[in-house]
Amino acid sequence: MLLNVTDIQKILPHRYPFLLVDRITELTAGESVVGLKNISISEPVFQGHFPDHPIYPGVMIIEGMAQVGGILAFKSLSEEDMKNAENKVVYFMSIDKAKFRAPVTPGDQLIYKISVLKHRGAVWQFDAKAFVDDKLVAQAELKAMIVDK
């Protein structure tokens, strides 16, 4: 384990029930990151999606991928930029080529694999994939920007 949920909360502003990454297991600054989210029936979203047939919403998977990408962006900052990191936040800019390939249900463990497609200044473009048991369940290209709070 590289980063646990306490470490993640030092990087991301998200909190329960919208912190959608439990752990970072691999990270290569400026290149790629692997994170995970354990899907439990106790997730608040399952109260309405759907009570008799619980499916983890695709939009939550996309947001989880974006949060893991945000961690990669922050952990890739230069030492100079890291001095001001507490005054920065990552804004999600776009989702392209999103596809959902299989449903995610309680008991599944989502593995988010994010790699950098482009990085210019404060803008990051990511190739994002989500897996359950080595099966691709969702993918997208995401764009984000690190900005002042």
N, C-alpha and C. Protein backbone atom coordinates (compact mmCIF):
# COMPACT_ATOMS: atom_id res chain seq x y z
N MET A 1 0.84 -1.19 0.00
CA MET A 1 0.00 0.00 0.00
C MET A 1 0.88 1.24 0.00
N LEU A 2 0.60 2.15 -0.90
CA LEU A 2 1.35 3.38 -1.00
C LEU A 2 0.69 4.50 -0.19
N LEU A 3 -0.63 4.68 -0.40
CA LEU A 3 -1.38 5.70 0.34
C LEU A 3 -2.66 5.07 0.88
N ASN A 4 -2.93 5.26 2.17
CA ASN A 4 -4.20 4.80 2.72
C ASN A 4 -5.20 5.95 2.70
N VAL A 5 -6.40 5.71 3.19
CA VAL A 5 -7.46 6.72 3.10
C VAL A 5 -7.10 8.00 3.87
N THR A 6 -6.37 7.89 4.95
CA THR A 6 -5.95 9.08 5.70
C THR A 6 -4.98 9.91 4.88
N ASP A 7 -4.05 9.25 4.19
CA ASP A 7 -3.12 9.97 3.31
C ASP A 7 -3.87 10.63 2.16
N ILE A 8 -4.85 9.92 1.61
CA ILE A 8 -5.64 10.44 0.49
C ILE A 8 -6.39 11.70 0.91
N GLN A 9 -6.92 11.72 2.14
CA GLN A 9 -7.66 12.89 2.62
C GLN A 9 -6.76 14.10 2.82
N LYS A 10 -5.47 13.90 2.88
CA LYS A 10 -4.54 15.03 2.95
C LYS A 10 -4.32 15.65 1.57
N ILE A 11 -4.69 14.90 0.52
CA ILE A 11 -4.49 15.36 -0.86
C ILE A 11 -5.79 15.89 -1.46
N LEU A 12 -6.87 15.11 -1.31
CA LEU A 12 -8.16 15.47 -1.89
C LEU A 12 -9.07 16.16 -0.88
N PRO A 13 -9.89 17.10 -1.32
CA PRO A 13 -10.83 17.76 -0.40
C PRO A 13 -12.08 16.91 -0.13
N HIS A 14 -12.31 15.85 -0.89
CA HIS A 14 -13.52 15.04 -0.77
C HIS A 14 -13.59 14.31 0.57
N ARG A 15 -14.80 14.13 1.07
CA ARG A 15 -15.05 13.40 2.30
C ARG A 15 -16.30 12.53 2.11
N TYR A 16 -16.53 11.63 3.07
CA TYR A 16 -17.70 10.77 3.03
C TYR A 16 -18.94 11.63 2.87
N PRO A 17 -19.87 11.27 2.02
CA PRO A 17 -19.94 10.05 1.23
C PRO A 17 -19.39 10.18 -0.18
N PHE A 18 -18.58 11.22 -0.43
CA PHE A 18 -18.13 11.45 -1.80
C PHE A 18 -16.64 11.21 -2.02
N LEU A 19 -15.94 10.69 -1.04
CA LEU A 19 -14.56 10.25 -1.26
C LEU A 19 -14.66 8.84 -1.83
N LEU A 20 -14.26 8.65 -3.07
CA LEU A 20 -14.53 7.42 -3.80
C LEU A 20 -13.28 6.61 -4.12
N VAL A 21 -12.25 6.79 -3.30
CA VAL A 21 -11.03 5.97 -3.43
C VAL A 21 -10.57 5.61 -2.02
N ASP A 22 -10.29 4.33 -1.80
CA ASP A 22 -9.91 3.84 -0.48
C ASP A 22 -8.40 3.72 -0.30
N ARG A 23 -7.68 3.50 -1.41
CA ARG A 23 -6.26 3.21 -1.29
C ARG A 23 -5.57 3.46 -2.63
N ILE A 24 -4.32 3.88 -2.58
CA ILE A 24 -3.45 3.95 -3.76
C ILE A 24 -2.39 2.87 -3.57
N THR A 25 -2.29 1.98 -4.57
CA THR A 25 -1.35 0.86 -4.44
C THR A 25 -0.09 1.03 -5.28
N GLU A 26 -0.16 1.85 -6.32
CA GLU A 26 1.00 2.12 -7.17
C GLU A 26 0.92 3.56 -7.64
N LEU A 27 2.07 4.21 -7.75
CA LEU A 27 2.10 5.58 -8.27
C LEU A 27 3.48 5.87 -8.82
N THR A 28 3.52 6.28 -10.08
CA THR A 28 4.74 6.76 -10.71
C THR A 28 4.45 8.20 -11.14
N ALA A 29 5.05 9.16 -10.46
CA ALA A 29 4.78 10.58 -10.69
C ALA A 29 4.92 10.92 -12.17
N GLY A 30 3.93 11.64 -12.68
CA GLY A 30 3.95 12.08 -14.06
C GLY A 30 3.57 11.01 -15.07
N GLU A 31 3.30 9.78 -14.60
CA GLU A 31 3.02 8.68 -15.53
C GLU A 31 1.73 7.94 -15.25
N SER A 32 1.62 7.31 -14.06
CA SER A 32 0.46 6.44 -13.83
C SER A 32 0.21 6.24 -12.34
N VAL A 33 -1.00 5.74 -12.06
CA VAL A 33 -1.41 5.46 -10.69
C VAL A 33 -2.43 4.32 -10.71
N VAL A 34 -2.43 3.54 -9.64
CA VAL A 34 -3.44 2.50 -9.45
C VAL A 34 -4.06 2.72 -8.08
N GLY A 35 -5.39 2.80 -8.06
CA GLY A 35 -6.12 2.98 -6.80
C GLY A 35 -7.27 1.99 -6.73
N LEU A 36 -7.85 1.88 -5.54
CA LEU A 36 -8.98 0.95 -5.41
C LEU A 36 -10.09 1.52 -4.56
N LYS A 37 -11.26 0.99 -4.82
CA LYS A 37 -12.48 1.34 -4.07
C LYS A 37 -13.23 0.06 -3.80
N ASN A 38 -13.47 -0.23 -2.54
CA ASN A 38 -14.28 -1.39 -2.16
C ASN A 38 -15.75 -0.98 -2.18
N ILE A 39 -16.55 -1.72 -2.92
CA ILE A 39 -17.97 -1.40 -3.07
C ILE A 39 -18.75 -2.22 -2.05
N SER A 40 -19.41 -1.53 -1.13
CA SER A 40 -20.17 -2.18 -0.06
C SER A 40 -21.65 -1.87 -0.20
N ILE A 41 -22.49 -2.79 0.22
CA ILE A 41 -23.94 -2.56 0.19
C ILE A 41 -24.31 -1.37 1.07
N SER A 42 -23.44 -0.97 1.99
CA SER A 42 -23.74 0.16 2.86
C SER A 42 -23.49 1.52 2.20
N GLU A 43 -23.05 1.53 0.93
CA GLU A 43 -22.88 2.80 0.21
C GLU A 43 -24.24 3.52 0.15
N PRO A 44 -24.29 4.80 0.49
CA PRO A 44 -25.58 5.53 0.48
C PRO A 44 -26.31 5.48 -0.87
N VAL A 45 -25.57 5.40 -1.96
CA VAL A 45 -26.18 5.43 -3.29
C VAL A 45 -27.11 4.24 -3.53
N PHE A 46 -26.87 3.12 -2.83
CA PHE A 46 -27.70 1.93 -3.05
C PHE A 46 -29.10 2.06 -2.46
N GLN A 47 -29.36 3.09 -1.65
CA GLN A 47 -30.72 3.31 -1.16
C GLN A 47 -31.67 3.60 -2.31
N GLY A 48 -31.14 4.19 -3.38
CA GLY A 48 -32.01 4.54 -4.50
C GLY A 48 -31.59 3.96 -5.83
N HIS A 49 -30.45 3.29 -5.90
CA HIS A 49 -29.91 2.82 -7.20
C HIS A 49 -29.47 1.37 -7.11
N PHE A 50 -30.16 0.44 -7.18
CA PHE A 50 -31.61 0.36 -7.10
C PHE A 50 -31.93 -0.52 -5.91
N PRO A 51 -32.95 -0.21 -5.12
CA PRO A 51 -33.19 -0.92 -3.86
C PRO A 51 -33.28 -2.45 -4.00
N ASP A 52 -33.89 -2.94 -5.07
CA ASP A 52 -34.04 -4.39 -5.23
C ASP A 52 -33.00 -4.99 -6.16
N HIS A 53 -32.16 -4.15 -6.75
CA HIS A 53 -31.14 -4.63 -7.70
C HIS A 53 -29.98 -3.64 -7.66
N PRO A 54 -29.13 -3.69 -6.62
CA PRO A 54 -28.10 -2.67 -6.44
C PRO A 54 -27.02 -2.70 -7.52
N ILE A 55 -26.88 -1.57 -8.21
CA ILE A 55 -25.85 -1.36 -9.24
C ILE A 55 -25.12 -0.06 -8.89
N TYR A 56 -23.80 -0.11 -8.81
CA TYR A 56 -23.00 1.09 -8.54
C TYR A 56 -23.05 1.98 -9.79
N PRO A 57 -23.49 3.22 -9.66
CA PRO A 57 -23.70 4.09 -10.82
C PRO A 57 -22.41 4.39 -11.59
N GLY A 58 -22.53 4.41 -12.91
CA GLY A 58 -21.40 4.74 -13.77
C GLY A 58 -20.80 6.09 -13.46
N VAL A 59 -21.64 7.05 -13.13
CA VAL A 59 -21.14 8.39 -12.82
C VAL A 59 -20.23 8.36 -11.59
N MET A 60 -20.50 7.46 -10.65
CA MET A 60 -19.64 7.32 -9.47
C MET A 60 -18.30 6.68 -9.85
N ILE A 61 -18.33 5.76 -10.79
CA ILE A 61 -17.09 5.15 -11.28
C ILE A 61 -16.23 6.21 -11.96
N ILE A 62 -16.85 7.03 -12.79
CA ILE A 62 -16.11 8.12 -13.47
C ILE A 62 -15.52 9.07 -12.43
N GLU A 63 -16.30 9.46 -11.43
CA GLU A 63 -15.80 10.35 -10.39
C GLU A 63 -14.65 9.71 -9.63
N GLY A 64 -14.74 8.42 -9.34
CA GLY A 64 -13.64 7.72 -8.67
C GLY A 64 -12.37 7.75 -9.50
N MET A 65 -12.52 7.53 -10.81
CA MET A 65 -11.35 7.61 -11.70
C MET A 65 -10.77 9.02 -11.68
N ALA A 66 -11.64 10.03 -11.68
CA ALA A 66 -11.17 11.41 -11.65
C ALA A 66 -10.43 11.71 -10.35
N GLN A 67 -10.93 11.20 -9.23
CA GLN A 67 -10.25 11.44 -7.95
C GLN A 67 -8.86 10.79 -7.94
N VAL A 68 -8.76 9.58 -8.48
CA VAL A 68 -7.45 8.92 -8.53
C VAL A 68 -6.52 9.71 -9.46
N GLY A 69 -7.05 10.21 -10.59
CA GLY A 69 -6.26 11.06 -11.47
C GLY A 69 -5.80 12.33 -10.77
N GLY A 70 -6.66 12.91 -9.93
CA GLY A 70 -6.29 14.09 -9.16
C GLY A 70 -5.14 13.82 -8.21
N ILE A 71 -5.15 12.64 -7.61
CA ILE A 71 -4.03 12.26 -6.73
C ILE A 71 -2.74 12.18 -7.54
N LEU A 72 -2.82 11.58 -8.73
CA LEU A 72 -1.64 11.50 -9.60
C LEU A 72 -1.13 12.90 -9.94
N ALA A 73 -2.04 13.80 -10.31
CA ALA A 73 -1.63 15.17 -10.66
C ALA A 73 -0.93 15.85 -9.48
N PHE A 74 -1.52 15.77 -8.29
CA PHE A 74 -0.92 16.39 -7.11
C PHE A 74 0.43 15.77 -6.77
N LYS A 75 0.53 14.46 -6.83
CA LYS A 75 1.77 13.79 -6.48
C LYS A 75 2.85 13.98 -7.55
N SER A 76 2.48 14.57 -8.70
CA SER A 76 3.43 14.83 -9.78
C SER A 76 3.92 16.27 -9.78
N LEU A 77 3.44 17.09 -8.85
CA LEU A 77 3.86 18.48 -8.79
C LEU A 77 5.35 18.58 -8.44
N SER A 78 5.96 19.63 -8.92
CA SER A 78 7.36 19.89 -8.58
C SER A 78 7.46 20.26 -7.10
N GLU A 79 8.68 20.20 -6.55
CA GLU A 79 8.88 20.57 -5.14
C GLU A 79 8.43 22.00 -4.89
N GLU A 80 8.69 22.88 -5.84
CA GLU A 80 8.29 24.27 -5.70
C GLU A 80 6.77 24.39 -5.63
N ASP A 81 6.07 23.70 -6.53
CA ASP A 81 4.60 23.74 -6.54
C ASP A 81 4.01 23.06 -5.31
N MET A 82 4.67 22.05 -4.77
CA MET A 82 4.18 21.34 -3.59
C MET A 82 4.13 22.25 -2.37
N LYS A 83 4.96 23.29 -2.34
CA LYS A 83 4.96 24.22 -1.21
C LYS A 83 3.62 24.93 -1.09
N ASN A 84 2.92 25.09 -2.21
CA ASN A 84 1.62 25.78 -2.22
C ASN A 84 0.46 24.83 -2.45
N ALA A 85 0.69 23.52 -2.34
CA ALA A 85 -0.33 22.53 -2.68
C ALA A 85 -1.60 22.66 -1.83
N GLU A 86 -1.46 23.09 -0.57
CA GLU A 86 -2.65 23.22 0.27
C GLU A 86 -3.59 24.31 -0.21
N ASN A 87 -3.10 25.19 -1.09
CA ASN A 87 -3.93 26.26 -1.66
C ASN A 87 -4.44 25.92 -3.05
N LYS A 88 -4.28 24.66 -3.46
CA LYS A 88 -4.67 24.23 -4.81
C LYS A 88 -5.77 23.17 -4.73
N VAL A 89 -6.50 23.04 -5.82
CA VAL A 89 -7.53 22.00 -5.95
C VAL A 89 -7.55 21.55 -7.40
N VAL A 90 -7.96 20.31 -7.64
CA VAL A 90 -8.06 19.80 -9.00
C VAL A 90 -9.51 19.92 -9.46
N TYR A 91 -9.73 20.59 -10.58
CA TYR A 91 -11.06 20.70 -11.19
C TYR A 91 -11.14 19.75 -12.37
N PHE A 92 -12.22 19.01 -12.41
CA PHE A 92 -12.55 18.09 -13.48
C PHE A 92 -13.03 18.93 -14.67
N MET A 93 -12.42 18.79 -15.85
CA MET A 93 -12.76 19.63 -17.00
C MET A 93 -13.61 18.92 -18.05
N SER A 94 -13.30 17.66 -18.33
CA SER A 94 -14.07 16.98 -19.37
C SER A 94 -13.97 15.46 -19.24
N ILE A 95 -14.98 14.81 -19.82
CA ILE A 95 -15.03 13.35 -19.94
C ILE A 95 -15.24 13.07 -21.42
N ASP A 96 -14.39 12.25 -22.00
CA ASP A 96 -14.55 11.86 -23.40
C ASP A 96 -14.46 10.34 -23.50
N LYS A 97 -15.11 9.81 -24.51
CA LYS A 97 -15.02 8.38 -24.84
C LYS A 97 -15.38 7.47 -23.67
N ALA A 98 -16.34 7.89 -22.85
CA ALA A 98 -16.74 7.07 -21.70
C ALA A 98 -17.54 5.86 -22.18
N LYS A 99 -17.20 4.71 -21.61
CA LYS A 99 -17.91 3.47 -21.92
C LYS A 99 -18.04 2.66 -20.64
N PHE A 100 -19.22 2.07 -20.49
CA PHE A 100 -19.48 1.20 -19.36
C PHE A 100 -19.70 -0.20 -19.92
N ARG A 101 -18.89 -1.14 -19.47
CA ARG A 101 -18.85 -2.46 -20.09
C ARG A 101 -19.49 -3.57 -19.27
N ALA A 102 -19.62 -3.38 -17.96
CA ALA A 102 -20.22 -4.40 -17.10
C ALA A 102 -20.70 -3.72 -15.82
N PRO A 103 -21.76 -4.25 -15.21
CA PRO A 103 -22.24 -3.64 -13.96
C PRO A 103 -21.30 -3.93 -12.80
N VAL A 104 -21.27 -3.00 -11.85
CA VAL A 104 -20.50 -3.14 -10.62
C VAL A 104 -21.51 -3.26 -9.49
N THR A 105 -21.34 -4.26 -8.63
CA THR A 105 -22.31 -4.56 -7.59
C THR A 105 -21.63 -4.65 -6.23
N PRO A 106 -22.42 -4.61 -5.15
CA PRO A 106 -21.83 -4.74 -3.80
C PRO A 106 -20.98 -6.00 -3.69
N GLY A 107 -19.84 -5.83 -3.03
CA GLY A 107 -18.88 -6.93 -2.88
C GLY A 107 -17.74 -6.84 -3.88
N ASP A 108 -17.92 -6.05 -4.94
CA ASP A 108 -16.86 -5.87 -5.93
C ASP A 108 -15.78 -4.93 -5.40
N GLN A 109 -14.58 -5.09 -5.92
CA GLN A 109 -13.49 -4.15 -5.65
C GLN A 109 -13.12 -3.52 -6.99
N LEU A 110 -13.34 -2.21 -7.09
CA LEU A 110 -12.96 -1.48 -8.29
C LEU A 110 -11.47 -1.17 -8.23
N ILE A 111 -10.76 -1.50 -9.29
CA ILE A 111 -9.36 -1.14 -9.43
C ILE A 111 -9.28 -0.08 -10.52
N TYR A 112 -8.85 1.11 -10.14
CA TYR A 112 -8.71 2.22 -11.07
C TYR A 112 -7.28 2.28 -11.57
N LYS A 113 -7.10 2.24 -12.89
CA LYS A 113 -5.77 2.36 -13.49
C LYS A 113 -5.79 3.60 -14.39
N ILE A 114 -4.99 4.57 -14.00
CA ILE A 114 -4.98 5.87 -14.66
C ILE A 114 -3.57 6.14 -15.18
N SER A 115 -3.49 6.55 -16.45
CA SER A 115 -2.18 6.92 -17.00
C SER A 115 -2.29 8.28 -17.70
N VAL A 116 -1.19 8.99 -17.72
CA VAL A 116 -1.15 10.33 -18.31
C VAL A 116 -1.07 10.20 -19.83
N LEU A 117 -2.01 10.87 -20.52
CA LEU A 117 -1.94 10.98 -21.97
C LEU A 117 -1.17 12.24 -22.36
N LYS A 118 -1.49 13.36 -21.68
CA LYS A 118 -0.83 14.64 -21.94
C LYS A 118 -0.77 15.43 -20.65
N HIS A 119 0.26 16.25 -20.54
CA HIS A 119 0.37 17.17 -19.42
C HIS A 119 1.03 18.44 -19.93
N ARG A 120 0.31 19.53 -19.77
CA ARG A 120 0.86 20.82 -20.17
C ARG A 120 0.45 21.86 -19.14
N GLY A 121 1.43 22.40 -18.44
CA GLY A 121 1.13 23.39 -17.40
C GLY A 121 0.29 22.78 -16.30
N ALA A 122 -0.86 23.40 -16.03
CA ALA A 122 -1.75 22.93 -14.98
C ALA A 122 -2.77 21.90 -15.48
N VAL A 123 -2.78 21.63 -16.79
CA VAL A 123 -3.79 20.75 -17.38
C VAL A 123 -3.24 19.34 -17.58
N TRP A 124 -4.04 18.37 -17.16
CA TRP A 124 -3.70 16.96 -17.26
C TRP A 124 -4.78 16.24 -18.06
N GLN A 125 -4.37 15.36 -18.97
CA GLN A 125 -5.31 14.51 -19.68
C GLN A 125 -4.93 13.05 -19.36
N PHE A 126 -5.94 12.28 -18.94
CA PHE A 126 -5.71 10.92 -18.47
C PHE A 126 -6.47 9.88 -19.29
N ASP A 127 -5.86 8.72 -19.45
CA ASP A 127 -6.55 7.52 -19.90
C ASP A 127 -6.95 6.80 -18.62
N ALA A 128 -8.24 6.60 -18.42
CA ALA A 128 -8.74 6.03 -17.17
C ALA A 128 -9.50 4.74 -17.45
N LYS A 129 -9.18 3.72 -16.65
CA LYS A 129 -9.85 2.43 -16.78
C LYS A 129 -10.20 1.93 -15.39
N ALA A 130 -11.35 1.25 -15.30
CA ALA A 130 -11.78 0.63 -14.04
C ALA A 130 -11.99 -0.85 -14.29
N PHE A 131 -11.49 -1.66 -13.37
CA PHE A 131 -11.55 -3.12 -13.49
C PHE A 131 -12.18 -3.72 -12.24
N VAL A 132 -12.84 -4.86 -12.42
CA VAL A 132 -13.27 -5.73 -11.33
C VAL A 132 -12.78 -7.13 -11.70
N ASP A 133 -11.99 -7.73 -10.84
CA ASP A 133 -11.44 -9.07 -11.11
C ASP A 133 -10.79 -9.15 -12.49
N ASP A 134 -9.95 -8.19 -12.83
CA ASP A 134 -9.24 -8.13 -14.11
C ASP A 134 -10.14 -7.95 -15.33
N LYS A 135 -11.43 -7.67 -15.10
CA LYS A 135 -12.37 -7.43 -16.20
C LYS A 135 -12.61 -5.93 -16.30
N LEU A 136 -12.41 -5.38 -17.51
CA LEU A 136 -12.66 -3.96 -17.74
C LEU A 136 -14.16 -3.67 -17.59
N VAL A 137 -14.51 -2.78 -16.66
CA VAL A 137 -15.92 -2.45 -16.45
C VAL A 137 -16.26 -1.03 -16.92
N ALA A 138 -15.26 -0.14 -17.01
CA ALA A 138 -15.51 1.22 -17.47
C ALA A 138 -14.20 1.84 -17.94
N GLN A 139 -14.33 2.80 -18.85
CA GLN A 139 -13.15 3.51 -19.33
C GLN A 139 -13.57 4.88 -19.83
N ALA A 140 -12.60 5.81 -19.84
CA ALA A 140 -12.86 7.17 -20.32
C ALA A 140 -11.54 7.90 -20.46
N GLU A 141 -11.58 8.99 -21.20
CA GLU A 141 -10.48 9.96 -21.20
C GLU A 141 -10.96 11.14 -20.38
N LEU A 142 -10.15 11.53 -19.41
CA LEU A 142 -10.52 12.59 -18.48
C LEU A 142 -9.52 13.74 -18.59
N LYS A 143 -10.02 14.95 -18.40
CA LYS A 143 -9.15 16.11 -18.38
C LYS A 143 -9.41 16.89 -17.10
N ALA A 144 -8.33 17.33 -16.46
CA ALA A 144 -8.43 18.06 -15.20
C ALA A 144 -7.39 19.17 -15.16
N MET A 145 -7.64 20.15 -14.28
CA MET A 145 -6.71 21.25 -14.13
C MET A 145 -6.50 21.54 -12.64
N ILE A 146 -5.26 21.77 -12.27
CA ILE A 146 -4.94 22.20 -10.91
C ILE A 146 -5.03 23.72 -10.87
N VAL A 147 -5.89 24.23 -9.96
CA VAL A 147 -6.11 25.68 -9.86
C VAL A 147 -6.00 26.12 -8.41
N ASP A 148 -5.89 27.43 -8.21
CA ASP A 148 -5.92 27.99 -6.87
C ASP A 148 -7.33 27.86 -6.30
N LYS A 149 -7.40 27.62 -4.98
CA LYS A 149 -8.72 27.53 -4.31
C LYS A 149 -9.40 28.87 -4.34
